[in-house]
């Protein structure tokens, strides 16, 4: 695959990464928070999303919160180029 791909993922749903595999490990994987559902009554909202274990066949998205944060669900848009 030689063109860029994009998609959306939520914590409880993962879509099909159409177009994989790439010929080599992608040089760019960009992720951005697109939705968040938290319980924030007297709590701080903290969330981190990152792309990990990037290979020509795909990658893992990691959702993380910490402290007294309580996240019900979160969504990420992703964009990857070879």
Protein backbone atom coordinates (compact mmCIF):
# COMPACT_ATOMS: atom_id res chain seq x y z
CA UNK A 1 0.00 0.00 0.00
CA UNK A 2 1.45 3.37 -0.97
CA UNK A 3 -1.31 5.84 -0.02
CA UNK A 4 -2.32 7.27 3.36
CA UNK A 5 -5.16 5.71 5.38
CA UNK A 6 -7.43 7.07 8.12
CA UNK A 7 -10.19 5.89 10.44
CA UNK A 8 -11.88 6.20 13.81
CA UNK A 9 -11.78 4.02 16.92
CA UNK A 10 -13.53 4.13 20.29
CA UNK A 11 -12.48 2.36 23.48
CA UNK A 12 -15.14 -0.32 22.98
CA UNK A 13 -15.08 -0.59 19.14
CA UNK A 14 -12.28 -1.01 16.62
CA UNK A 15 -12.92 -0.60 12.91
CA UNK A 16 -11.30 -2.57 10.10
CA UNK A 17 -8.04 -0.98 8.96
CA UNK A 18 -8.72 -1.14 5.22
CA UNK A 19 -5.65 -1.03 3.01
CA UNK A 20 -3.11 -2.81 5.20
CA UNK A 21 -0.40 -3.98 4.89
CA UNK A 22 2.04 -1.29 3.90
CA UNK A 23 5.27 -2.28 2.18
CA UNK A 24 7.25 -0.96 5.16
CA UNK A 25 6.58 0.37 8.66
CA UNK A 26 4.69 3.69 8.33
CA UNK A 27 6.77 6.80 9.00
CA UNK A 28 3.79 8.74 10.40
CA UNK A 29 0.88 7.72 12.63
CA UNK A 30 -1.13 10.68 13.89
CA UNK A 31 -3.87 10.22 16.51
CA UNK A 32 -6.26 12.83 17.89
CA UNK A 33 -8.98 12.72 20.52
CA UNK A 34 -12.37 13.03 18.79
CA UNK A 35 -14.82 12.18 21.61
CA UNK A 36 -14.74 11.86 25.38
CA UNK A 37 -17.37 10.74 27.91
CA UNK A 38 -16.24 11.27 31.49
CA UNK A 39 -17.64 11.57 34.97
CA UNK A 40 -16.17 14.88 36.09
CA UNK A 41 -18.12 15.88 39.21
CA UNK A 42 -15.33 17.20 41.46
CA UNK A 43 -12.76 15.27 39.40
CA UNK A 44 -10.09 16.27 36.92
CA UNK A 45 -10.47 15.03 33.34
CA UNK A 46 -7.25 13.32 32.24
CA UNK A 47 -6.81 11.15 29.15
CA UNK A 48 -3.91 10.19 26.92
CA UNK A 49 -4.08 8.38 23.57
CA UNK A 50 -1.09 7.07 21.64
CA UNK A 51 -0.16 4.75 18.78
CA UNK A 52 2.12 1.88 19.82
CA UNK A 53 3.64 -1.26 18.28
CA UNK A 54 3.57 0.22 14.76
CA UNK A 55 4.27 -2.33 12.00
CA UNK A 56 3.45 -2.61 8.28
CA UNK A 57 0.40 -4.68 9.35
CA UNK A 58 -1.17 -2.22 11.80
CA UNK A 59 -0.74 -0.58 15.19
CA UNK A 60 -2.24 -0.55 18.67
CA UNK A 61 -4.05 2.47 20.08
CA UNK A 62 -3.64 2.97 23.81
CA UNK A 63 -6.21 4.87 25.88
CA UNK A 64 -5.03 5.85 29.37
CA UNK A 65 -6.42 7.90 32.25
CA UNK A 66 -4.96 8.36 35.72
CA UNK A 67 -5.51 9.86 39.14
CA UNK A 68 -9.16 10.33 40.09
CA UNK A 69 -10.31 10.55 36.45
CA UNK A 70 -13.16 8.30 35.38
CA UNK A 71 -13.57 7.80 31.62
CA UNK A 72 -16.66 5.97 30.35
CA UNK A 73 -15.62 6.11 26.69
CA UNK A 74 -13.29 7.96 24.34
CA UNK A 75 -12.84 8.15 20.59
CA UNK A 76 -9.79 8.69 18.43
CA UNK A 77 -9.34 9.64 14.79
CA UNK A 78 -6.17 8.26 13.23
CA UNK A 79 -4.17 9.02 10.10
CA UNK A 80 -1.26 6.91 8.83
CA UNK A 81 1.12 7.33 5.87
CA UNK A 82 3.75 4.94 4.52
